[in-house]
Amino acid sequence: MSAGRSSEPSDPTDPYAREAQTFPYLTEEMMQRLCAYGAQEQLPAGTTLFARGERSVDFFVVLEGKIEIFDVDKVGQPNVFAVHVARQFTGELDLFNDRQVLVSGRTGADSRVIRVKRTDFRRLVTGEPDIGEIIMRAFILRRVGLIRHSQGGVVLIGPGHGADTLRLQRFLTRNGYPHRLLDTDLDPDADGFLTCFELTADQLPVVIASDERVLRNPSTSLLADDLGLTETIDQARVYDVAVVGAGPAGLASAVYAASEGLDTIVIEGVAPGGQAGTSSKIENYLGFPTGISGQALAGRAQVQAQKFGARLAISRHASELICERQPFRIVLDDGQAVQARSIVVATGARYRKLSVANYAKYEGQGIHYAATAMEGQLCDGEEVVVVGGGNSAGQAAVFLSRMAKHVHILVRAGGLAATMSDYLVQRIASSPKITLHARSEITALEGDAMLRRVTWTNRVTGDEQTHQVGNVFVMIGAEPNTDWLDGCLELDAKGFVLTGQDPDGRALSSPFSTNRPGIFAVGDVRAGSVKRVASGVGEGSVVVAAVHQFLNPEVA
């Protein structure tokens, strides 16, 4: 196997340097078992097996010869970056879904292969767990390699601090889509790209696809459609369960429902992970002693759900719920509809906004609701402000202190102990790069096109401080994402979904049941829920038993 790398010393963090896991060889005994799931084919050199942009491609295992994996370089020529030989296999994460594949494959010599059709590939992964584990690990590492080396992806050109550039970059990053950012404020190559494609600064940002198509400041949904990130929705199909929201609770529901044989679809407006997906590191989640980023946790859960057959409709917001009759209908923001016999509402909650002048002006280009590696790059060597006293704010402050000049935490309360886990409180207290400003709030945001200065005021003493700050991270409160429910479900005074009791106070069959039989609510969107990742995962998994009981009352 060759991964097309240079002769420089290998980087142990590069998946392509971990050839035994990224490009493994199956044993002869595994090959014999695998033959039962496919058919052998003799192919001449140069035969195209799959091409970028196709959906539902097949899985290939080499018996003799070789398969070349390639994308296209700047001048439109094939760039071979991986070669599979005998006892190796093709594919990456898109074999677990119906998205457009990112790269192309062809025989590099006269070859004999095993072709495994998509439906048979799913049988292989579940029916041969040892082979499935090897395939799953390889596929995850290969996607990481594509992202790291910008292979099979797109080029995003625009000002690195611009709101729309950040919006598109955040969408590509959170959905694991390979891309290269050309920051027109910093990157010397940017001018050449603008000249080549006859673009002007007022047309930025733009996304340049592999076939040199130019998308000028596309909406998130348009970009998702153009790149094939969205799966085709069969509006006539009636699913057993539709999960709305792909945060920890929704993904857990999808994994357990699909693994137990329910025909499952997940509807998600942006990317898997929810609020948890924007966390730089979750350190108190069971089973990860060194911590795990929210995006990594969500990515694994997404693949797990797809492995069991769940479908994910990404970049599709639920805009209306029609609940008066069976099957229920979820109307999406593009006018399509999903039908299901039962629904799990897992749309979570969003952070509240601050009431301060110029807030809307700098939202998205100076004011952020996530603190991941992408946002961290914007703060290198600068002072930043984190607003909030919960775990998300604490994790953000600790993470940002690694690259920022200094981190200021603003809270209205007298301290952090009542709202934040102790390990974060102690870490913040011991850091010379983090200062806690209790009983304080932002009172002014100033700048030009970009945020430049932030003023905050101590509400007890009246003291004001103004600092040169270009990035503020707001992580306060929680507003439920329930606008789309259209009166179908009973909500509390704050808009969270009421569960577990009917209007007369009588207990329902499940603590996650709503006033509408067949519709359940889990995670942060549910009134009275504990706002923790582990709690959301627990609720999302447990609710599947109630879904089964509703769908099959005769065996409950």
Protein backbone atom coordinates (compact mmCIF):
# COMPACT_ATOMS: atom_id res chain seq x y z
CA MET A 1 0.00 0.00 0.00
CA SER A 2 1.15 3.50 -0.79
CA ALA A 3 -0.51 6.57 0.64
CA GLY A 4 1.18 9.00 -1.72
CA ARG A 5 3.18 10.81 0.97
CA SER A 6 6.52 12.56 0.67
CA SER A 7 9.77 11.19 2.00
CA GLU A 8 9.67 13.50 5.04
CA PRO A 9 9.67 11.84 8.51
CA SER A 10 6.18 10.52 9.27
CA ASP A 11 3.98 12.39 11.71
CA PRO A 12 2.53 9.95 14.28
CA THR A 13 -0.69 12.00 14.36
CA ASP A 14 -1.17 11.56 10.60
CA PRO A 15 -3.60 8.67 9.92
CA TYR A 16 -1.63 7.84 6.76
CA ALA A 17 1.36 7.08 8.97
CA ARG A 18 -0.71 4.40 10.76
CA GLU A 19 -0.82 2.10 7.76
CA ALA A 20 -1.65 -1.04 9.74
CA GLN A 21 -4.93 0.54 10.89
CA THR A 22 -5.73 2.91 8.01
CA PHE A 23 -4.87 0.52 5.19
CA PRO A 24 -5.03 -2.91 6.86
CA TYR A 25 -4.58 -6.33 5.28
CA LEU A 26 -7.28 -8.91 5.89
CA THR A 27 -6.20 -12.42 6.78
CA GLU A 28 -6.69 -15.30 4.35
CA GLU A 29 -9.36 -16.72 6.64
CA MET A 30 -11.22 -13.36 6.63
CA MET A 31 -10.97 -13.26 2.85
CA GLN A 32 -12.65 -16.66 2.61
CA ARG A 33 -15.56 -15.50 4.77
CA LEU A 34 -15.85 -12.24 2.89
CA CYS A 35 -16.23 -14.03 -0.46
CA ALA A 36 -19.70 -15.16 0.61
CA TYR A 37 -20.94 -11.56 0.57
CA GLY A 38 -19.83 -10.61 -2.95
CA ALA A 39 -18.88 -11.75 -6.41
CA GLN A 40 -15.47 -12.05 -8.04
CA GLU A 41 -14.72 -9.97 -11.12
CA GLN A 42 -11.75 -9.87 -13.51
CA LEU A 43 -11.15 -6.25 -14.62
CA PRO A 44 -8.66 -4.72 -17.07
CA ALA A 45 -6.32 -1.91 -16.04
CA GLY A 46 -7.93 1.52 -16.02
CA THR A 47 -11.46 0.35 -15.19
CA THR A 48 -13.36 2.98 -13.17
CA LEU A 49 -14.91 1.37 -10.10
CA PHE A 50 -16.49 4.50 -8.67
CA ALA A 51 -16.24 8.23 -9.32
CA ARG A 52 -16.44 11.29 -7.10
CA GLY A 53 -20.03 12.47 -6.78
CA GLU A 54 -21.66 9.04 -7.14
CA ARG A 55 -23.91 7.65 -4.42
CA SER A 56 -24.31 4.12 -3.06
CA VAL A 57 -21.04 2.86 -4.53
CA ASP A 58 -19.89 -0.71 -3.99
CA PHE A 59 -17.19 -2.06 -1.68
CA PHE A 60 -14.18 -3.73 -3.32
CA VAL A 61 -11.55 -6.11 -1.98
CA VAL A 62 -8.42 -6.82 -4.03
CA LEU A 63 -7.53 -10.45 -4.78
CA GLU A 64 -4.88 -9.72 -7.43
CA GLY A 65 -3.60 -6.49 -8.97
CA LYS A 66 -4.27 -3.07 -7.44
CA ILE A 67 -6.87 -0.31 -7.06
CA GLU A 68 -5.81 3.34 -7.23
CA ILE A 69 -7.66 5.98 -5.20
CA PHE A 70 -7.42 9.50 -6.59
CA ASP A 71 -8.77 13.02 -6.61
CA VAL A 72 -8.10 15.76 -9.16
CA ASP A 73 -5.25 18.30 -8.94
CA LYS A 74 -5.33 22.01 -9.77
CA VAL A 75 -5.00 21.38 -13.51
CA GLY A 76 -7.63 18.65 -13.63
CA GLN A 77 -5.29 15.68 -13.67
CA PRO A 78 -5.78 12.57 -11.50
CA ASN A 79 -3.76 12.66 -8.29
CA VAL A 80 -3.32 9.12 -6.96
CA PHE A 81 -2.80 9.27 -3.19
CA ALA A 82 -3.52 5.68 -2.12
CA VAL A 83 -3.13 2.25 -3.72
CA HIS A 84 -4.84 -0.89 -2.43
CA VAL A 85 -3.22 -4.25 -3.18
CA ALA A 86 -4.11 -7.88 -2.46
CA ARG A 87 -6.17 -8.39 0.75
CA GLN A 88 -6.88 -4.67 1.08
CA PHE A 89 -10.22 -2.92 0.56
CA THR A 90 -11.68 0.34 -0.72
CA GLY A 91 -13.99 2.85 0.93
CA GLU A 92 -14.36 5.36 3.72
CA LEU A 93 -17.25 6.70 5.81
CA ASP A 94 -19.55 7.47 2.90
CA LEU A 95 -20.12 3.72 2.48
CA PHE A 96 -22.23 3.91 5.65
CA ASN A 97 -24.61 6.48 4.16
CA ASP A 98 -26.02 7.61 0.85
CA ARG A 99 -23.94 10.74 0.40
CA GLN A 100 -21.87 11.51 -2.67
CA VAL A 101 -18.42 9.92 -2.42
CA LEU A 102 -15.42 12.24 -2.22
CA VAL A 103 -12.86 10.39 -4.33
CA SER A 104 -12.60 8.10 -7.33
CA GLY A 105 -11.22 4.58 -7.72
CA ARG A 106 -9.84 2.64 -10.70
CA THR A 107 -7.84 -0.49 -11.34
CA GLY A 108 -4.14 0.34 -11.65
CA ALA A 109 -3.39 -2.97 -13.41
CA ASP A 110 -5.29 -5.99 -14.64
CA SER A 111 -7.00 -7.01 -11.42
CA ARG A 112 -9.22 -9.61 -9.80
CA VAL A 113 -11.52 -8.19 -7.13
CA ILE A 114 -14.49 -9.05 -4.95
CA ARG A 115 -17.37 -6.63 -5.51
CA VAL A 116 -19.72 -6.34 -2.52
CA LYS A 117 -23.00 -4.54 -3.22
CA ARG A 118 -24.14 -1.87 -0.75
CA THR A 119 -26.88 -3.95 0.87
CA ASP A 120 -24.51 -6.90 1.20
CA PHE A 121 -21.85 -4.60 2.66
CA ARG A 122 -24.18 -3.78 5.54
CA ARG A 123 -24.74 -7.51 6.10
CA LEU A 124 -20.99 -8.04 6.10
CA VAL A 125 -20.31 -5.36 8.72
CA THR A 126 -22.98 -6.67 11.10
CA GLY A 127 -22.58 -10.38 10.33
CA GLU A 128 -18.78 -10.52 10.63
CA PRO A 129 -18.02 -8.27 13.63
CA ASP A 130 -14.24 -8.80 13.58
CA ILE A 131 -14.04 -7.77 9.92
CA GLY A 132 -16.53 -4.98 10.57
CA GLU A 133 -14.34 -3.58 13.35
CA ILE A 134 -11.31 -3.46 11.04
CA ILE A 135 -13.36 -1.77 8.31
CA MET A 136 -14.91 0.76 10.71
CA ARG A 137 -11.55 1.80 12.16
CA ALA A 138 -10.00 2.12 8.71
CA PHE A 139 -12.90 4.18 7.37
CA ILE A 140 -12.72 6.65 10.28
CA LEU A 141 -8.96 7.08 9.91
CA ARG A 142 -9.25 7.50 6.14
CA ARG A 143 -11.77 10.32 6.56
CA VAL A 144 -9.45 12.00 9.06
CA GLY A 145 -6.65 11.64 6.50
CA LEU A 146 -8.76 13.22 3.76
CA ILE A 147 -9.54 16.16 6.04
CA ARG A 148 -5.93 16.58 7.17
CA HIS A 149 -4.55 16.52 3.63
CA SER A 150 -7.49 18.37 2.00
CA GLN A 151 -8.04 15.48 -0.40
CA GLY A 152 -11.36 15.06 -2.16
CA GLY A 153 -12.61 18.35 -0.78
CA VAL A 154 -13.26 21.95 -1.72
CA VAL A 155 -11.50 25.31 -1.39
CA LEU A 156 -13.13 28.03 0.72
CA ILE A 157 -11.93 31.56 -0.10
CA GLY A 158 -12.80 34.55 2.05
CA PRO A 159 -11.74 36.75 4.96
CA GLY A 160 -10.93 34.42 7.85
CA HIS A 161 -12.80 36.53 10.43
CA GLY A 162 -15.83 37.21 8.22
CA ALA A 163 -19.21 35.96 9.42
CA ASP A 164 -20.10 34.07 6.24
CA THR A 165 -16.62 32.58 5.87
CA LEU A 166 -16.84 31.31 9.44
CA ARG A 167 -20.37 30.01 8.85
CA LEU A 168 -19.28 27.94 5.85
CA GLN A 169 -16.05 26.79 7.49
CA ARG A 170 -17.92 25.76 10.63
CA PHE A 171 -20.45 23.77 8.60
CA LEU A 172 -17.74 21.94 6.62
CA THR A 173 -15.69 21.24 9.74
CA ARG A 174 -18.55 19.95 11.88
CA ASN A 175 -19.73 17.68 9.06
CA GLY A 176 -16.25 16.28 8.51
CA TYR A 177 -15.98 17.53 4.92
CA PRO A 178 -12.39 18.02 3.65
CA HIS A 179 -11.61 21.61 2.73
CA ARG A 180 -8.85 24.16 2.50
CA LEU A 181 -9.35 27.72 3.71
CA LEU A 182 -7.67 30.54 1.82
CA ASP A 183 -7.87 33.56 4.12
CA THR A 184 -7.88 36.58 1.80
CA ASP A 185 -6.55 38.71 4.65
CA LEU A 186 -3.50 36.53 5.23
CA ASP A 187 -2.91 33.85 2.58
CA PRO A 188 -0.58 34.88 -0.27
CA ASP A 189 -2.18 32.28 -2.58
CA ALA A 190 -5.60 33.93 -2.32
CA ASP A 191 -4.96 36.65 -4.90
CA GLY A 192 -4.02 34.05 -7.48
CA PHE A 193 -7.27 32.16 -6.92
CA LEU A 194 -9.34 35.34 -7.18
CA THR A 195 -7.64 36.26 -10.45
CA CYS A 196 -7.99 32.76 -11.87
CA PHE A 197 -11.73 32.64 -11.21
CA GLU A 198 -12.33 36.33 -11.98
CA LEU A 199 -13.65 37.07 -8.50
CA THR A 200 -13.78 40.36 -6.63
CA ALA A 201 -13.67 40.96 -2.89
CA ASP A 202 -17.37 41.84 -2.71
CA GLN A 203 -18.28 38.36 -4.01
CA LEU A 204 -16.56 36.59 -1.09
CA PRO A 205 -16.71 34.10 0.43
CA VAL A 206 -16.82 31.52 -2.33
CA VAL A 207 -16.54 27.74 -2.38
CA ILE A 208 -14.68 26.18 -5.30
CA ALA A 209 -15.60 22.56 -5.96
CA SER A 210 -13.37 19.93 -7.54
CA ASP A 211 -14.78 20.55 -11.02
CA GLU A 212 -14.02 24.29 -10.63
CA ARG A 213 -17.64 25.24 -10.09
CA VAL A 214 -17.82 28.44 -8.02
CA LEU A 215 -20.48 28.84 -5.33
CA ARG A 216 -20.72 32.48 -4.30
CA ASN A 217 -21.58 32.83 -0.61
CA PRO A 218 -24.02 29.88 -0.69
CA SER A 219 -26.52 29.23 2.03
CA THR A 220 -25.71 26.29 4.27
CA SER A 221 -28.46 24.14 2.75
CA LEU A 222 -27.40 25.02 -0.81
CA LEU A 223 -23.81 24.08 -0.02
CA ALA A 224 -24.91 20.79 1.56
CA ASP A 225 -27.02 19.94 -1.50
CA ASP A 226 -24.27 20.86 -3.95
CA LEU A 227 -21.65 18.76 -2.15
CA GLY A 228 -24.00 15.79 -1.81
CA LEU A 229 -24.03 15.90 1.99
CA THR A 230 -27.80 15.51 2.06
CA GLU A 231 -29.44 12.19 1.43
CA THR A 232 -32.44 11.80 -0.86
CA ILE A 233 -35.66 11.73 1.15
CA ASP A 234 -38.36 9.31 0.06
CA GLN A 235 -41.51 11.23 0.99
CA ALA A 236 -43.72 8.17 0.47
CA ARG A 237 -41.77 6.05 2.95
CA VAL A 238 -43.16 5.72 6.48
CA TYR A 239 -40.40 5.26 9.06
CA ASP A 240 -40.91 3.49 12.36
CA VAL A 241 -39.31 6.42 14.18
CA ALA A 242 -38.11 9.87 13.19
CA VAL A 243 -35.58 11.46 15.54
CA VAL A 244 -35.53 15.24 15.24
CA GLY A 245 -32.15 16.58 16.37
CA ALA A 246 -28.75 14.92 16.28
CA GLY A 247 -27.30 15.96 19.61
CA PRO A 248 -26.19 13.31 22.13
CA ALA A 249 -29.80 12.41 23.01
CA GLY A 250 -30.94 12.17 19.40
CA LEU A 251 -27.93 10.16 18.27
CA ALA A 252 -28.36 7.76 21.18
CA SER A 253 -31.99 7.23 20.18
CA ALA A 254 -30.92 6.58 16.60
CA VAL A 255 -28.26 4.05 17.60
CA TYR A 256 -30.56 2.07 19.88
CA ALA A 257 -33.61 2.26 17.59
CA ALA A 258 -31.69 1.20 14.47
CA SER A 259 -29.76 -1.53 16.28
CA GLU A 260 -33.08 -3.00 17.46
CA GLY A 261 -34.45 -3.19 13.94
CA LEU A 262 -36.56 -0.03 13.75
CA ASP A 263 -36.58 1.85 10.45
CA THR A 264 -34.98 5.08 11.66
CA ILE A 265 -34.31 8.54 10.24
CA VAL A 266 -32.57 11.45 11.97
CA ILE A 267 -33.33 15.03 10.94
CA GLU A 268 -30.65 17.61 11.78
CA GLY A 269 -30.46 21.25 10.76
CA VAL A 270 -26.70 21.84 10.88
CA ALA A 271 -24.43 18.99 11.94
CA PRO A 272 -24.38 16.08 14.40
CA GLY A 273 -23.48 16.92 17.99
CA GLY A 274 -25.80 19.71 19.07
CA GLN A 275 -24.38 22.03 21.72
CA ALA A 276 -22.11 19.23 22.90
CA GLY A 277 -20.59 19.06 19.42
CA THR A 278 -19.18 22.56 19.90
CA SER A 279 -17.26 21.62 23.05
CA SER A 280 -13.47 21.49 22.72
CA LYS A 281 -13.17 18.69 25.27
CA ILE A 282 -15.57 16.79 27.52
CA GLU A 283 -13.56 15.34 30.39
CA ASN A 284 -16.23 13.92 32.70
CA TYR A 285 -17.95 11.60 30.23
CA LEU A 286 -17.76 7.98 31.33
CA GLY A 287 -15.19 5.86 29.50
CA PHE A 288 -12.92 8.66 28.22
CA PRO A 289 -10.36 9.31 30.99
CA THR A 290 -8.34 11.71 28.83
CA GLY A 291 -11.46 13.46 27.54
CA ILE A 292 -13.00 13.65 24.08
CA SER A 293 -14.07 16.57 21.93
CA GLY A 294 -17.76 17.01 21.34
CA GLN A 295 -17.26 16.72 17.60
CA ALA A 296 -15.34 13.45 17.92
CA LEU A 297 -18.01 11.99 20.19
CA ALA A 298 -20.76 13.04 17.79
CA GLY A 299 -18.85 11.74 14.79
CA ARG A 300 -18.47 8.30 16.32
CA ALA A 301 -22.13 8.17 17.32
CA GLN A 302 -23.18 9.19 13.81
CA VAL A 303 -21.15 6.41 12.22
CA GLN A 304 -22.49 3.97 14.81
CA ALA A 305 -26.08 4.87 13.97
CA GLN A 306 -25.43 4.58 10.23
CA LYS A 307 -23.74 1.22 10.72
CA PHE A 308 -27.04 -0.13 12.05
CA GLY A 309 -28.96 1.37 9.12
CA ALA A 310 -30.21 4.72 10.43
CA ARG A 311 -30.49 7.46 7.80
CA LEU A 312 -29.35 11.00 8.57
CA ALA A 313 -30.91 13.99 6.82
CA ILE A 314 -28.32 16.69 7.47
CA SER A 315 -28.89 20.42 6.81
CA ARG A 316 -32.62 20.00 7.04
CA HIS A 317 -34.53 21.94 9.70
CA ALA A 318 -37.91 20.73 10.88
CA SER A 319 -40.31 23.63 10.29
CA GLU A 320 -43.70 22.09 11.13
CA LEU A 321 -45.17 19.03 12.83
CA ILE A 322 -48.50 17.67 11.59
CA CYS A 323 -49.68 15.48 14.45
CA GLU A 324 -53.44 15.14 14.15
CA ARG A 325 -53.32 11.79 12.40
CA GLN A 326 -51.06 8.81 11.74
CA PRO A 327 -48.51 8.66 10.34
CA PHE A 328 -47.09 11.88 11.74
CA ARG A 329 -45.62 14.27 9.17
CA ILE A 330 -42.57 16.46 9.76
CA VAL A 331 -42.38 19.27 7.22
CA LEU A 332 -38.84 20.39 6.46
CA ASP A 333 -37.67 23.90 5.63
CA ASP A 334 -37.26 22.97 1.94
CA GLY A 335 -40.89 21.87 1.68
CA GLN A 336 -40.24 18.13 1.78
CA ALA A 337 -41.89 15.99 4.43
CA VAL A 338 -40.87 12.94 6.45
CA GLN A 339 -43.52 10.46 7.61
CA ALA A 340 -43.13 8.35 10.74
CA ARG A 341 -45.23 6.23 13.07
CA SER A 342 -43.44 7.68 16.10
CA ILE A 343 -41.27 10.72 16.79
CA VAL A 344 -38.49 11.45 19.27
CA VAL A 345 -38.08 15.20 19.78
CA ALA A 346 -34.42 15.86 20.59
CA THR A 347 -33.94 19.37 19.22
CA GLY A 348 -32.13 20.56 22.33
CA ALA A 349 -31.63 24.17 23.36
CA ARG A 350 -29.55 27.11 22.19
CA TYR A 351 -27.59 29.68 24.16
CA ARG A 352 -29.30 32.97 24.95
CA LYS A 353 -28.12 36.20 23.39
CA LEU A 354 -26.93 39.26 25.27
CA SER A 355 -28.97 42.45 25.37
CA VAL A 356 -26.31 44.99 24.41
CA ALA A 357 -25.91 47.50 21.58
CA ASN A 358 -24.15 46.27 18.39
CA TYR A 359 -24.65 42.62 19.37
CA ALA A 360 -26.28 41.67 16.08
CA LYS A 361 -23.61 43.53 14.12
CA TYR A 362 -20.81 41.37 15.49
CA GLU A 363 -22.69 38.10 15.82
CA GLY A 364 -20.82 35.49 13.83
CA GLN A 365 -17.77 37.70 13.32
CA GLY A 366 -16.56 38.34 16.83
CA ILE A 367 -19.37 36.85 18.90
CA HIS A 368 -19.37 33.05 18.97
CA TYR A 369 -21.39 30.25 20.58
CA ALA A 370 -18.74 27.53 20.18
CA ALA A 371 -15.10 27.20 21.19
CA THR A 372 -13.50 24.57 18.99
CA ALA A 373 -10.10 24.46 17.30
CA MET A 374 -11.54 26.53 14.44
CA GLU A 375 -12.55 29.40 16.71
CA GLY A 376 -9.35 29.00 18.71
CA GLN A 377 -7.27 29.89 15.67
CA LEU A 378 -8.96 33.29 15.61
CA CYS A 379 -7.75 34.08 19.13
CA ASP A 380 -4.03 33.40 18.85
CA GLY A 381 -2.16 35.91 21.01
CA GLU A 382 -5.26 38.01 21.77
CA GLU A 383 -7.42 38.66 24.81
CA VAL A 384 -10.82 36.96 24.71
CA VAL A 385 -13.99 37.07 26.81
CA VAL A 386 -16.11 34.07 27.85
CA VAL A 387 -19.59 34.85 29.17
CA GLY A 388 -21.17 32.16 31.31
CA GLY A 389 -20.65 30.07 34.42
CA GLY A 390 -21.58 26.56 33.31
CA ASN A 391 -19.41 23.65 32.23
CA SER A 392 -19.46 24.71 28.57
CA ALA A 393 -18.07 28.12 29.50
CA GLY A 394 -15.45 26.55 31.75
CA GLN A 395 -14.32 24.11 29.08
CA ALA A 396 -14.13 26.98 26.59
CA ALA A 397 -12.04 29.15 28.91
CA VAL A 398 -9.56 26.37 29.68
CA PHE A 399 -9.25 25.47 26.00
CA LEU A 400 -8.86 29.05 24.77
CA SER A 401 -6.21 29.81 27.40
CA ARG A 402 -3.83 27.56 25.45
CA MET A 403 -3.62 30.01 22.53
CA ALA A 404 -5.10 33.31 23.74
CA LYS A 405 -3.06 35.97 25.47
CA HIS A 406 -5.58 36.06 28.29
CA VAL A 407 -9.13 34.82 28.96
CA HIS A 408 -11.67 36.87 30.92
CA ILE A 409 -14.69 34.99 32.33
CA LEU A 410 -17.73 37.15 33.09
CA VAL A 411 -20.53 35.88 35.36
CA ARG A 412 -23.40 37.65 37.07
CA ALA A 413 -23.14 35.40 40.12
CA GLY A 414 -20.60 35.69 42.90
CA GLY A 415 -18.56 32.72 41.68
CA LEU A 416 -18.51 29.46 39.75
CA ALA A 417 -18.92 26.76 42.38
CA ALA A 418 -22.72 26.57 42.18
CA THR A 419 -22.89 26.09 38.40
CA MET A 420 -19.63 24.49 37.24
CA SER A 421 -17.93 21.14 37.91
CA ASP A 422 -15.21 21.38 40.54
CA TYR A 423 -12.41 20.13 38.29
CA LEU A 424 -13.04 23.07 35.96
CA VAL A 425 -13.36 25.57 38.83
CA GLN A 426 -9.98 24.47 40.21
CA ARG A 427 -8.32 24.54 36.81
CA ILE A 428 -9.55 28.07 36.17
CA ALA A 429 -8.49 29.26 39.62
CA SER A 430 -4.95 27.92 39.13
CA SER A 431 -4.43 29.31 35.62
CA PRO A 432 -2.43 32.57 35.37
CA LYS A 433 -4.02 33.15 31.95
CA ILE A 434 -7.65 33.16 33.15
CA THR A 435 -9.33 35.86 35.25
CA LEU A 436 -12.81 35.50 36.73
CA HIS A 437 -14.88 38.70 36.87
CA ALA A 438 -17.82 37.98 39.21
CA ARG A 439 -21.03 40.03 39.22
CA SER A 440 -20.04 41.53 35.89
CA GLU A 441 -21.63 41.84 32.46
CA ILE A 442 -20.78 43.27 29.07
CA THR A 443 -22.06 46.81 28.62
CA ALA A 444 -20.47 47.89 25.31
CA LEU A 445 -19.23 46.34 22.06
CA GLU A 446 -17.20 48.57 19.74
CA GLY A 447 -15.26 48.31 16.51
CA ASP A 448 -15.49 48.85 12.78
CA ALA A 449 -16.46 46.01 10.48
CA MET A 450 -14.95 43.72 13.10
CA LEU A 451 -15.26 43.70 16.89
CA ARG A 452 -12.30 45.55 18.43
CA ARG A 453 -13.16 46.55 22.02
CA VAL A 454 -15.33 45.15 24.81
CA THR A 455 -16.40 46.95 27.98
CA TRP A 456 -17.79 45.22 31.03
CA THR A 457 -19.16 46.60 34.29
CA ASN A 458 -19.19 45.25 37.83
CA ARG A 459 -22.82 45.59 38.92
CA VAL A 460 -21.89 45.93 42.60
CA THR A 461 -19.07 48.49 42.45
CA GLY A 462 -19.91 50.15 39.14
CA ASP A 463 -16.31 49.77 37.97
CA GLU A 464 -15.83 49.55 34.19
CA GLN A 465 -13.06 47.88 32.22
CA THR A 466 -12.42 48.23 28.48
CA HIS A 467 -10.09 45.79 26.72
CA GLN A 468 -8.92 45.26 23.17
CA VAL A 469 -10.97 42.14 22.46
CA GLY A 470 -11.97 40.78 19.07
CA ASN A 471 -13.70 37.55 20.13
CA VAL A 472 -16.43 36.99 22.71
CA PHE A 473 -17.81 33.53 23.52
CA VAL A 474 -21.39 33.60 24.83
CA MET A 475 -22.50 30.48 26.73
CA ILE A 476 -25.38 31.47 28.97
CA GLY A 477 -28.80 30.02 29.67
CA ALA A 478 -30.83 27.81 27.41
CA GLU A 479 -33.69 28.56 25.03
CA PRO A 480 -35.49 25.43 23.77
CA ASN A 481 -35.75 24.73 20.04
CA THR A 482 -39.49 24.10 20.06
CA ASP A 483 -40.88 26.77 17.69
CA TRP A 484 -41.54 24.10 15.02
CA LEU A 485 -43.92 22.08 17.18
CA ASP A 486 -46.85 24.35 16.24
CA GLY A 487 -49.01 23.67 19.29
CA CYS A 488 -48.84 19.89 18.96
CA LEU A 489 -47.18 19.39 22.34
CA GLU A 490 -47.67 20.96 25.74
CA LEU A 491 -44.79 23.23 26.76
CA ASP A 492 -43.88 24.84 30.07
CA ALA A 493 -43.66 28.62 30.56
CA LYS A 494 -40.13 28.67 29.15
CA GLY A 495 -40.99 26.63 26.07
CA PHE A 496 -39.57 23.25 27.13
CA VAL A 497 -41.58 20.10 26.32
CA LEU A 498 -43.60 18.70 29.22
CA THR A 499 -43.35 14.92 29.62
CA GLY A 500 -44.38 12.14 31.97
CA GLN A 501 -47.81 13.46 32.98
CA ASP A 502 -51.08 14.20 31.25
CA PRO A 503 -52.82 17.59 31.71
CA ASP A 504 -54.61 16.22 34.79
CA GLY A 505 -51.35 15.23 36.47
CA ARG A 506 -51.69 11.48 35.89
CA ALA A 507 -48.48 9.60 35.11
CA LEU A 508 -48.00 8.54 31.50
CA SER A 509 -46.50 5.23 30.38
CA SER A 510 -43.01 6.71 30.11
CA PRO A 511 -41.26 9.69 31.72
CA PHE A 512 -40.44 10.77 28.15
CA SER A 513 -44.01 10.55 26.81
CA THR A 514 -45.66 13.81 25.78
CA ASN A 515 -49.35 14.64 25.77
CA ARG A 516 -49.46 13.25 22.22
CA PRO A 517 -49.22 9.41 22.13
CA GLY A 518 -46.36 8.30 19.91
CA ILE A 519 -44.34 11.49 20.35
CA PHE A 520 -41.56 11.53 22.93
CA ALA A 521 -39.06 14.15 24.09
CA VAL A 522 -35.52 13.61 25.39
CA GLY A 523 -32.47 15.65 26.27
CA ASP A 524 -32.19 19.39 26.79
CA VAL A 525 -35.51 20.14 25.06
CA ARG A 526 -37.42 18.25 27.76
CA ALA A 527 -38.64 20.18 30.80
CA GLY A 528 -36.83 19.11 33.95
CA SER A 529 -33.97 17.32 32.18
CA VAL A 530 -30.43 17.43 33.53
CA LYS A 531 -28.33 19.43 31.07
CA ARG A 532 -25.41 17.00 30.78
CA VAL A 533 -24.13 14.92 27.86
CA ALA A 534 -24.34 11.63 29.78
CA SER A 535 -27.91 12.40 30.84
CA GLY A 536 -28.91 13.12 27.25
CA VAL A 537 -27.36 9.87 26.04
CA GLY A 538 -29.16 7.98 28.79
CA GLU A 539 -32.54 9.47 27.96
CA GLY A 540 -32.02 8.92 24.24
CA SER A 541 -31.28 5.23 24.73
CA VAL A 542 -33.98 4.51 27.33
CA VAL A 543 -36.79 6.14 25.32
CA VAL A 544 -36.49 3.45 22.64
CA ALA A 545 -38.20 0.99 24.97
CA ALA A 546 -41.20 3.32 25.10
CA VAL A 547 -41.14 3.65 21.31
CA HIS A 548 -41.27 -0.14 21.00
CA GLN A 549 -44.19 -0.26 23.44
CA PHE A 550 -46.12 2.29 21.40
CA LEU A 551 -45.42 0.62 18.05
CA ASN A 552 -46.13 -2.91 19.30
CA PRO A 553 -48.55 -2.66 22.24
CA GLU A 554 -49.55 -6.31 21.91
CA VAL A 555 -46.05 -7.48 22.93
CA ALA A 556 -45.34 -4.77 25.49
